Amino acid sequence: MAFQCQRDCYMKEFVTRVESCCPAELKHEINGKKETVKGFNVKLQDTILFPEGGGQPDDHGVIGDVAVLRVTRQGAEAVHFVRSPLEVGQEVQLKVDWERRFDHMQQHSGQHLITALADTMFGYKTTSWDLGRQRSTIELDTPCVKPGQLQALEEAVNERIRAHVPVTVQLLSIDDPAVEKVRSRGLPDDHAGPIRIIDIEGVDANMCCGTHVSNLSHLQVIKLLGTEKGKKNKTNLIFLSGNRVLNYAEKSYSTERSLVALLKTGPDEHVEAVDKLQKSVKLLQKSNLSLLRDMAVLIAQNFKNSPQRGSFFSLHKKEGDNEFMNIIANEMGTETLVFLTVGEEKGPGMFLLAGPSGPVTELGPRVLEMLQGKGAGKNGRFQGKANSLARRGELEELLQKHCSLPASEEE
């Protein structure tokens, strides 16, 4: 069975009838988190909302004024998940989210075109593809694609777009000899009805259930962004088609203008300017690290040389790191109980408790608990990460009480 969305991919509204409505649940992403949503699975007499399949995500839309959260295929039927029940036998109007639908049409037809020409020109077979939210990827059965091949492929696909090549749909019975001549990665186990062929005139004929443009000119343009190493000697080809190219160009221009304002140079000099900045930052980081090391040694020596020094030393330094803390602990030796923290005063950070092995082993778990941290200890050292340093002062008091002659230093 072919759905109305497959018979006419450009139809935006459609009147049909509710055939069934059953309680159901859906794992749905809400604000970046997956939650289980209670609702209803609705089957309609026919639908213009495409159920996910063939590498293409499902459509969004509404049934009346009820939002459709997911459309899936069960055999020859499409199942629409909604939050509110619909009356069986009721006549309803469907509306498709056209921006999403047309975007999927452009990417899917673009994939067919790229796949066909990559095979024809270089013998690179497509083993899978992914229609992503921002960009799409075709997995090619080759270890690499040379830059010259990528350029030639991009020129070839855009030449076909400019030639206004028609794209048509054929429905063939499964035993039709013509089926053997079309490109296919096989049919799903629960396939029912005729075989649907997407024919790009003179370019490709491929089994596909998805929604497609009726002419390659509707793709507008295709941009091959580049390639990445795939799995098992394969190459991932990244591409944009149609409106995504325009959106990408607009976003890139906006970024370019922002960089011009920040770097005070023209677009052609951005890479050189950023390279200079990175080198300057590395030099400053190196100098800063050297100063921190020197400071750590001086802090430890200053404490050890103080006539009033006790058996406890505490220090917090926002800009420090693990090496900074370990240098201080090494300089202090094992007679003094040393409690060091680095990071945001009330936020996350790192800690080190060092000194006599007995007190360190005894107090380490308490430090972990109060700093909501993770860590471990051995040989008179207990260190790790703290989720919150908010109770640092309270913890310092506890450690001071454990020592007979408390002394404290804070930066």
Protein backbone atom coordinates (compact mmCIF):
# COMPACT_ATOMS: atom_id res chain seq x y z
CA MET A 1 0.00 0.00 0.00
CA ALA A 2 1.24 3.51 -0.86
CA PHE A 3 0.21 6.36 1.44
CA GLN A 4 -1.08 9.66 0.08
CA CYS A 5 2.22 11.28 1.13
CA GLN A 6 3.96 8.88 -1.28
CA ARG A 7 1.48 9.39 -4.11
CA ASP A 8 1.71 13.18 -3.85
CA CYS A 9 4.75 14.35 -1.87
CA TYR A 10 3.78 18.00 -2.31
CA MET A 11 0.33 17.74 -0.68
CA LYS A 12 0.25 19.88 2.47
CA GLU A 13 -3.33 19.27 3.68
CA PHE A 14 -5.58 16.24 3.44
CA VAL A 15 -9.00 15.12 4.71
CA THR A 16 -9.33 11.54 5.93
CA ARG A 17 -11.09 9.42 8.56
CA VAL A 18 -10.03 7.92 11.92
CA GLU A 19 -10.06 4.12 11.80
CA SER A 20 -8.75 3.32 15.30
CA CYS A 21 -7.48 5.01 18.46
CA CYS A 22 -5.79 3.04 21.24
CA PRO A 23 -3.96 4.09 24.45
CA ALA A 24 -0.17 3.98 24.04
CA GLU A 25 3.14 5.29 25.34
CA LEU A 26 6.03 6.97 23.55
CA LYS A 27 9.62 7.65 24.58
CA HIS A 28 9.93 11.25 23.44
CA GLU A 29 12.75 13.79 23.76
CA ILE A 30 11.64 16.86 25.73
CA ASN A 31 14.18 19.66 26.34
CA GLY A 32 17.03 17.28 25.56
CA LYS A 33 15.81 14.54 27.91
CA LYS A 34 13.99 11.34 26.94
CA GLU A 35 10.69 10.98 28.76
CA THR A 36 7.85 8.50 28.50
CA VAL A 37 4.73 10.26 27.22
CA LYS A 38 1.26 8.76 27.57
CA GLY A 39 -1.09 9.18 24.63
CA PHE A 40 -2.80 7.32 21.81
CA ASN A 41 -1.87 5.44 18.65
CA VAL A 42 -4.15 6.56 15.83
CA LYS A 43 -4.62 4.81 12.48
CA LEU A 44 -6.22 6.75 9.65
CA GLN A 45 -7.87 5.74 6.38
CA ASP A 46 -4.88 7.33 4.65
CA THR A 47 -2.22 9.89 5.56
CA ILE A 48 0.03 12.63 4.20
CA LEU A 49 2.34 12.26 7.21
CA PHE A 50 5.27 10.07 6.24
CA PRO A 51 6.20 7.29 8.70
CA GLU A 52 9.94 6.98 9.28
CA GLY A 53 11.68 4.58 6.90
CA GLY A 54 14.36 4.27 4.24
CA GLY A 55 16.74 6.40 6.30
CA GLN A 56 14.24 9.27 6.35
CA PRO A 57 12.78 10.57 9.65
CA ASP A 58 9.01 10.82 10.08
CA ASP A 59 6.94 13.90 9.34
CA HIS A 60 5.51 16.26 11.94
CA GLY A 61 2.09 17.80 11.64
CA VAL A 62 -1.39 17.97 13.16
CA ILE A 63 -4.63 16.00 13.01
CA GLY A 64 -7.21 18.73 13.41
CA ASP A 65 -5.60 20.75 16.20
CA VAL A 66 -3.86 17.76 17.83
CA ALA A 67 -0.09 17.60 17.33
CA VAL A 68 1.36 14.37 15.94
CA LEU A 69 4.53 13.50 17.87
CA ARG A 70 5.61 10.41 15.94
CA VAL A 71 4.56 8.47 12.82
CA THR A 72 5.67 4.85 12.40
CA ARG A 73 4.84 2.11 9.93
CA GLN A 74 3.29 -1.20 10.92
CA GLY A 75 3.09 -3.35 7.81
CA ALA A 76 0.83 -1.52 5.38
CA GLU A 77 -0.45 0.95 7.98
CA ALA A 78 0.84 4.21 9.43
CA VAL A 79 0.49 4.76 13.20
CA HIS A 80 0.25 8.35 14.46
CA PHE A 81 1.05 9.02 18.14
CA VAL A 82 -0.93 11.88 19.70
CA ARG A 83 -1.57 13.00 23.27
CA SER A 84 -5.35 13.44 22.97
CA PRO A 85 -7.85 10.76 21.87
CA LEU A 86 -9.68 11.02 18.54
CA GLU A 87 -13.14 9.64 17.83
CA VAL A 88 -13.20 6.57 15.60
CA GLY A 89 -15.08 7.29 12.34
CA GLN A 90 -14.51 11.03 12.71
CA GLU A 91 -13.52 12.97 9.59
CA VAL A 92 -10.31 14.91 10.25
CA GLN A 93 -8.01 17.28 8.42
CA LEU A 94 -4.29 16.58 8.32
CA LYS A 95 -1.66 19.31 7.95
CA VAL A 96 2.01 18.49 7.43
CA ASP A 97 4.91 20.55 8.78
CA TRP A 98 5.93 21.58 5.28
CA GLU A 99 9.29 23.12 6.15
CA ARG A 100 10.43 19.84 7.73
CA ARG A 101 8.90 17.72 4.94
CA PHE A 102 10.46 19.68 2.08
CA ASP A 103 13.82 19.66 3.83
CA HIS A 104 13.64 15.86 4.06
CA MET A 105 12.64 15.66 0.39
CA GLN A 106 15.64 17.76 -0.63
CA GLN A 107 18.11 15.75 1.47
CA HIS A 108 16.70 12.35 0.43
CA SER A 109 16.59 13.09 -3.30
CA GLY A 110 20.02 14.68 -2.97
CA GLN A 111 21.32 11.46 -1.44
CA HIS A 112 19.92 9.38 -4.33
CA LEU A 113 21.63 11.66 -6.84
CA ILE A 114 25.01 11.67 -5.05
CA THR A 115 24.87 7.90 -4.49
CA ALA A 116 24.10 7.21 -8.16
CA LEU A 117 26.87 9.43 -9.53
CA ALA A 118 29.47 8.28 -6.98
CA ASP A 119 28.82 4.75 -8.24
CA THR A 120 28.73 5.67 -11.93
CA MET A 121 31.82 7.90 -11.86
CA PHE A 122 34.08 6.05 -9.40
CA GLY A 123 32.43 2.72 -8.58
CA TYR A 124 31.89 3.77 -4.95
CA LYS A 125 28.84 1.96 -3.57
CA THR A 126 26.67 3.46 -0.82
CA THR A 127 26.36 1.12 2.18
CA SER A 128 24.23 3.40 4.39
CA TRP A 129 23.23 7.01 4.91
CA ASP A 130 22.01 9.28 7.69
CA LEU A 131 19.67 12.26 7.34
CA GLY A 132 20.86 14.41 10.24
CA ARG A 133 19.29 17.52 11.72
CA GLN A 134 22.09 19.80 10.52
CA ARG A 135 23.85 17.82 7.80
CA SER A 136 23.57 14.42 6.15
CA THR A 137 26.12 11.65 5.66
CA ILE A 138 26.56 8.97 2.99
CA GLU A 139 28.74 5.98 3.86
CA LEU A 140 30.75 4.97 0.79
CA ASP A 141 32.43 1.59 0.41
CA THR A 142 35.92 2.99 -0.18
CA PRO A 143 38.85 3.79 2.15
CA CYS A 144 39.12 7.35 0.82
CA VAL A 145 37.79 9.88 -1.66
CA LYS A 146 40.42 12.09 -3.28
CA PRO A 147 39.89 15.89 -3.28
CA GLY A 148 39.74 15.90 -7.10
CA GLN A 149 37.05 13.22 -7.06
CA LEU A 150 35.03 15.17 -4.50
CA GLN A 151 35.16 18.29 -6.66
CA ALA A 152 34.22 16.36 -9.81
CA LEU A 153 31.30 14.71 -8.01
CA GLU A 154 29.99 18.05 -6.71
CA GLU A 155 30.18 19.56 -10.20
CA ALA A 156 28.36 16.55 -11.68
CA VAL A 157 25.45 16.57 -9.21
CA ASN A 158 24.90 20.32 -9.61
CA GLU A 159 25.03 19.97 -13.39
CA ARG A 160 22.11 17.51 -13.17
CA ILE A 161 20.22 19.96 -10.94
CA ARG A 162 20.66 22.76 -13.48
CA ALA A 163 19.46 20.39 -16.24
CA HIS A 164 15.97 20.15 -14.64
CA VAL A 165 16.02 16.34 -14.66
CA PRO A 166 12.56 14.85 -13.84
CA VAL A 167 12.11 12.52 -10.87
CA THR A 168 9.20 10.07 -11.18
CA VAL A 169 7.66 7.29 -9.10
CA GLN A 170 6.89 3.83 -10.46
CA LEU A 171 4.91 1.10 -8.67
CA LEU A 172 5.91 -2.41 -9.71
CA SER A 173 4.70 -5.82 -8.57
CA ILE A 174 7.31 -7.80 -6.67
CA ASP A 175 7.59 -10.37 -9.49
CA ASP A 176 8.06 -7.76 -12.24
CA PRO A 177 11.37 -8.43 -14.12
CA ALA A 178 12.07 -4.69 -14.05
CA VAL A 179 12.58 -4.93 -10.28
CA GLU A 180 15.83 -6.82 -10.84
CA LYS A 181 17.32 -3.88 -12.76
CA VAL A 182 16.92 -1.23 -10.04
CA ARG A 183 19.32 -0.36 -7.24
CA SER A 184 18.27 -1.69 -3.85
CA ARG A 185 19.57 -2.68 -0.42
CA GLY A 186 16.65 -5.08 0.06
CA LEU A 187 13.06 -4.86 1.30
CA PRO A 188 12.00 -4.81 4.97
CA ASP A 189 10.66 -8.10 6.32
CA ASP A 190 7.16 -6.69 6.81
CA HIS A 191 6.90 -5.07 3.37
CA ALA A 192 3.45 -5.27 1.83
CA GLY A 193 2.09 -4.20 -1.57
CA PRO A 194 3.82 -3.05 -4.74
CA ILE A 195 7.49 -2.12 -5.04
CA ARG A 196 8.04 1.66 -5.18
CA ILE A 197 10.78 2.87 -7.54
CA ILE A 198 12.22 6.40 -7.54
CA ASP A 199 13.45 7.12 -11.06
CA ILE A 200 15.81 10.03 -11.72
CA GLU A 201 15.60 10.16 -15.52
CA GLY A 202 18.78 8.88 -17.13
CA VAL A 203 20.62 8.81 -13.79
CA ASP A 204 19.20 6.26 -11.36
CA ALA A 205 16.33 3.93 -10.50
CA ASN A 206 16.14 2.87 -6.87
CA MET A 207 13.68 1.14 -4.53
CA CYS A 208 12.58 3.66 -1.91
CA CYS A 209 9.61 4.41 0.33
CA GLY A 210 10.57 8.03 1.06
CA THR A 211 9.23 11.36 -0.12
CA HIS A 212 11.12 13.00 -3.01
CA VAL A 213 11.16 16.09 -5.20
CA SER A 214 9.51 15.79 -8.62
CA ASN A 215 12.41 17.47 -10.43
CA LEU A 216 16.09 17.81 -9.53
CA SER A 217 15.80 21.58 -9.98
CA HIS A 218 13.84 21.61 -6.70
CA LEU A 219 17.06 20.64 -4.93
CA GLN A 220 18.41 24.11 -5.83
CA VAL A 221 22.04 23.20 -5.06
CA ILE A 222 24.14 20.54 -3.34
CA LYS A 223 27.29 21.25 -1.35
CA LEU A 224 29.71 18.43 -0.50
CA LEU A 225 31.30 19.66 2.73
CA GLY A 226 33.98 16.99 2.83
CA THR A 227 34.72 13.47 4.01
CA GLU A 228 35.56 11.73 7.27
CA LYS A 229 37.08 8.35 7.95
CA GLY A 230 34.31 5.79 8.39
CA LYS A 231 34.26 2.34 9.93
CA LYS A 232 35.89 -0.74 8.36
CA ASN A 233 37.70 0.95 5.43
CA LYS A 234 34.73 3.12 4.52
CA THR A 235 34.38 6.88 3.99
CA ASN A 236 31.63 9.17 5.24
CA LEU A 237 30.69 11.85 2.72
CA ILE A 238 29.05 14.88 4.34
CA PHE A 239 26.62 16.96 2.29
CA LEU A 240 23.96 19.67 2.36
CA SER A 241 21.12 20.03 -0.11
CA GLY A 242 18.69 22.83 -0.98
CA ASN A 243 17.68 25.25 1.75
CA ARG A 244 20.32 23.82 4.07
CA VAL A 245 23.00 25.25 1.78
CA LEU A 246 21.39 28.70 2.00
CA ASN A 247 21.11 28.44 5.80
CA TYR A 248 24.74 27.31 6.00
CA ALA A 249 25.88 30.26 3.87
CA GLU A 250 23.88 32.72 6.01
CA LYS A 251 25.29 31.27 9.25
CA SER A 252 28.82 31.24 7.86
CA TYR A 253 28.54 34.89 6.80
CA SER A 254 27.22 35.87 10.24
CA THR A 255 30.15 34.06 11.87
CA GLU A 256 32.55 35.75 9.46
CA ARG A 257 31.26 39.21 10.37
CA SER A 258 31.58 38.42 14.09
CA LEU A 259 35.18 37.27 13.57
CA VAL A 260 35.97 40.45 11.63
CA ALA A 261 34.81 42.49 14.63
CA LEU A 262 36.70 40.34 17.15
CA LEU A 263 39.96 39.82 15.27
CA LYS A 264 40.08 43.26 13.59
CA THR A 265 41.14 41.63 10.30
CA GLY A 266 39.53 40.70 7.00
CA PRO A 267 38.10 37.20 6.38
CA ASP A 268 41.16 36.09 4.37
CA GLU A 269 43.40 36.77 7.40
CA HIS A 270 41.25 35.00 10.03
CA VAL A 271 43.21 31.74 10.05
CA GLU A 272 46.54 33.55 10.41
CA ALA A 273 45.14 35.79 13.17
CA VAL A 274 43.75 32.84 15.16
CA ASP A 275 47.04 30.95 14.73
CA LYS A 276 48.94 33.93 16.20
CA LEU A 277 46.49 34.15 19.09
CA GLN A 278 46.85 30.43 19.85
CA LYS A 279 50.63 30.70 19.92
CA SER A 280 50.41 33.73 22.23
CA VAL A 281 48.03 31.89 24.56
CA LYS A 282 50.37 28.86 24.69
CA LEU A 283 53.30 31.11 25.66
CA LEU A 284 51.21 32.82 28.34
CA GLN A 285 50.02 29.46 29.67
CA LYS A 286 53.60 28.22 29.81
CA SER A 287 54.71 31.36 31.67
CA ASN A 288 51.74 31.12 34.02
CA LEU A 289 52.51 27.48 34.77
CA SER A 290 56.12 28.33 35.54
CA LEU A 291 55.01 31.12 37.89
CA LEU A 292 52.54 28.80 39.61
CA ARG A 293 55.29 26.24 40.20
CA ASP A 294 57.59 28.91 41.65
CA MET A 295 54.73 30.22 43.78
CA ALA A 296 53.99 26.72 45.10
CA VAL A 297 57.59 26.29 46.24
CA LEU A 298 57.64 29.75 47.89
CA ILE A 299 54.31 29.13 49.67
CA ALA A 300 55.61 25.87 51.12
CA GLN A 301 59.00 27.34 52.12
CA ASN A 302 57.33 30.37 53.71
CA PHE A 303 55.18 28.13 55.88
CA LYS A 304 58.09 25.86 56.86
CA ASN A 305 60.26 28.85 57.80
CA SER A 306 57.57 30.45 59.98
CA PRO A 307 58.29 30.22 63.73
CA GLN A 308 54.53 30.00 64.39
CA ARG A 309 53.89 27.17 61.96
CA GLY A 310 51.69 24.39 63.24
CA SER A 311 50.90 20.88 62.15
CA PHE A 312 48.11 21.92 59.74
CA PHE A 313 48.25 23.95 56.52
CA SER A 314 45.31 24.92 54.30
CA LEU A 315 45.22 26.85 51.03
CA HIS A 316 42.70 27.54 48.24
CA LYS A 317 43.84 28.94 44.89
CA LYS A 318 41.33 29.46 42.12
CA GLU A 319 43.88 29.30 39.28
CA GLY A 320 45.83 26.27 40.51
CA ASP A 321 45.94 22.71 39.22
CA ASN A 322 46.96 19.23 40.39
CA GLU A 323 50.65 19.91 39.79
CA PHE A 324 50.46 23.10 41.87
CA MET A 325 48.94 21.19 44.80
CA ASN A 326 51.40 18.29 44.54
CA ILE A 327 54.44 20.62 44.51
CA ILE A 328 53.25 22.21 47.77
CA ALA A 329 52.57 18.80 49.33
CA ASN A 330 55.99 17.51 48.26
CA GLU A 331 57.74 20.55 49.75
CA MET A 332 55.80 20.23 53.00
CA GLY A 333 56.86 16.66 53.70
CA THR A 334 54.82 14.13 55.67
CA GLU A 335 54.75 15.72 59.14
CA THR A 336 52.22 18.45 58.32
CA LEU A 337 48.57 17.75 57.45
CA VAL A 338 48.02 19.67 54.20
CA PHE A 339 44.58 20.49 52.76
CA LEU A 340 44.63 22.13 49.31
CA THR A 341 41.85 23.04 46.87
CA VAL A 342 41.75 24.69 43.44
CA GLY A 343 38.80 25.91 41.37
CA GLU A 344 35.72 28.06 41.95
CA GLU A 345 35.17 28.90 45.61
CA LYS A 346 31.56 27.72 45.66
CA GLY A 347 31.65 25.53 42.55
CA PRO A 348 33.51 22.47 41.27
CA GLY A 349 37.24 21.99 41.68
CA MET A 350 39.99 19.62 42.82
CA PHE A 351 41.36 18.79 46.25
CA LEU A 352 44.39 17.20 47.90
CA LEU A 353 44.76 15.99 51.47
CA ALA A 354 48.34 14.99 52.29
CA GLY A 355 50.54 14.33 55.32
CA PRO A 356 50.73 11.62 57.97
CA SER A 357 49.18 8.46 56.53
CA GLY A 358 47.01 7.79 59.60
CA PRO A 359 45.03 11.07 59.63
CA VAL A 360 44.90 11.17 55.79
CA THR A 361 43.40 7.67 55.63
CA GLU A 362 40.94 8.49 58.42
CA LEU A 363 39.83 11.89 57.15
CA GLY A 364 39.89 11.24 53.37
CA PRO A 365 36.37 9.74 53.14
CA ARG A 366 35.01 12.67 55.17
CA VAL A 367 36.60 15.12 52.73
CA LEU A 368 34.96 13.28 49.83
CA GLU A 369 31.55 13.41 51.51
CA MET A 370 31.63 17.12 52.35
CA LEU A 371 32.95 18.15 48.90
CA GLN A 372 30.57 15.79 47.07
CA GLY A 373 33.63 14.46 45.36
CA LYS A 374 35.24 11.43 43.83
CA GLY A 375 38.77 10.33 44.61
CA ALA A 376 41.10 7.83 46.23
CA GLY A 377 44.16 7.74 48.42
CA LYS A 378 47.38 5.90 49.24
CA ASN A 379 50.81 6.56 50.76
CA GLY A 380 49.69 9.63 52.68
CA ARG A 381 47.86 11.27 49.73
CA PHE A 382 44.09 11.52 49.17
CA GLN A 383 43.01 13.52 46.15
CA GLY A 384 40.27 13.83 43.58
CA LYS A 385 37.56 16.03 42.06
CA ALA A 386 35.03 18.04 44.06
CA ASN A 387 31.55 18.75 42.69
CA SER A 388 31.17 21.62 45.14
CA LEU A 389 33.67 23.53 47.29
CA ALA A 390 30.89 25.36 49.13
CA ARG A 391 31.63 23.53 52.43
CA ARG A 392 35.37 24.07 52.21
CA GLY A 393 35.47 26.41 55.22
CA GLU A 394 33.48 23.96 57.33
CA LEU A 395 35.81 21.15 56.28
CA GLU A 396 38.88 23.24 57.11
CA GLU A 397 37.59 23.77 60.67
CA LEU A 398 37.07 20.04 61.06
CA LEU A 399 40.64 19.31 59.94
CA GLN A 400 42.04 22.03 62.23
CA LYS A 401 40.33 20.46 65.23
CA HIS A 402 42.03 17.21 64.36
CA CYS A 403 45.43 18.86 64.70
CA SER A 404 46.86 20.01 68.00
CA LEU A 405 48.45 23.23 66.67
CA PRO A 406 46.23 24.60 63.85
CA ALA A 407 47.54 27.16 61.41
CA SER A 408 45.82 28.40 58.26
CA GLU A 409 46.64 30.37 55.20
CA GLU A 410 44.12 31.41 52.52
CA GLU A 411 44.55 33.12 49.15
